[in-house]
Amino acid sequence: MHPRHPYLDHPGPIAFAHRGGAADGLENTVTQFRRAVDAGYRYIETDVHATADGRLVAFHDATLDRVTDGAGRIADLAWDDVRQARVAGAEPVPLFEELLETFPGVRWNVDVKAEPALTPLLDLIGRAGAWDRICVGSFSEARVARARRLAGPRLATSYGMRGVLGLRLRSYGVPVPLRGSAVCAQVPESQSGVPVVDRRFVRTAHARGLQVHVWTVNEPDRMHRLLDLGVDGIMTDHIDTLRKVMEDRGTWV
């Protein structure tokens, strides 16, 4: 059991705007993040990559091609090139530093998509004094472990894939060791058709002082089911839908 990290100080389940609310087609843009904040969201999920010259951008893909009018791998491009691209032909790619300044009341769930982004992210969090506002996650267990090793307990982290698997096995009664000091398990509802989140999983996580955050949930019936199971947070592309579900349940803050 670890003391509760300030990042998690929130009454009731946490509503996360996934990439700011990706359903509108302007994912990971200042416009979309502002839309989420105006809708009452105080937790936003985003992703970070580092440009060739070490600038940290909020962007999901390794390349610009899918969602912008630009092209090429972010890791191979200088910031001056990346800043010319427009998401959906309209919105610039933001620097993560810009987001911390623009939305001082927001807490960020940050998926570190590539190794070169980790050190710039931790440096930025330190400079901004934003340790209470950031939770770092990654599919890579090694990357999460390195983040914890470099930053220590002041940094909130979620489990990587190995930690989630260990938690799932423990929920079945398999006594596997769980290492690290994550504050939450951030998981899909199911993986390859196999359920991940059920009452046993949530109970096992809570017994270890871990919150359970589920991504990416866009349908009201699934939101209700997960909240009935006692999950601590939901990430959604459909920010209006999740807000209404939580308002109906009396848990929207």
Foldseek 3Di string as FASTA:
>chain_A
DDPAALLLPDFFFAEEAEQLQCPVQQGQFPVSVVVLVVVPHQEYEFEWDAACVGFIWTDDDQWPPPFWPDTDGRNDHDPVRQQVIAGNDHTGTDGVLVVCVVCVRHAYEYEYEDQSNLVSVVVSCVVVVPLSRYEYEYLDQVSQVVSCVVPPPSHAYEHHPVQLVCLQVVLVVDPDDHDDDHQAHEEECADPPHGSDALSSCVSQVVVNYAYEYDDDEDLVVLVVRVVSPHRYYYYSHSVSNQVSCVVVVRRD
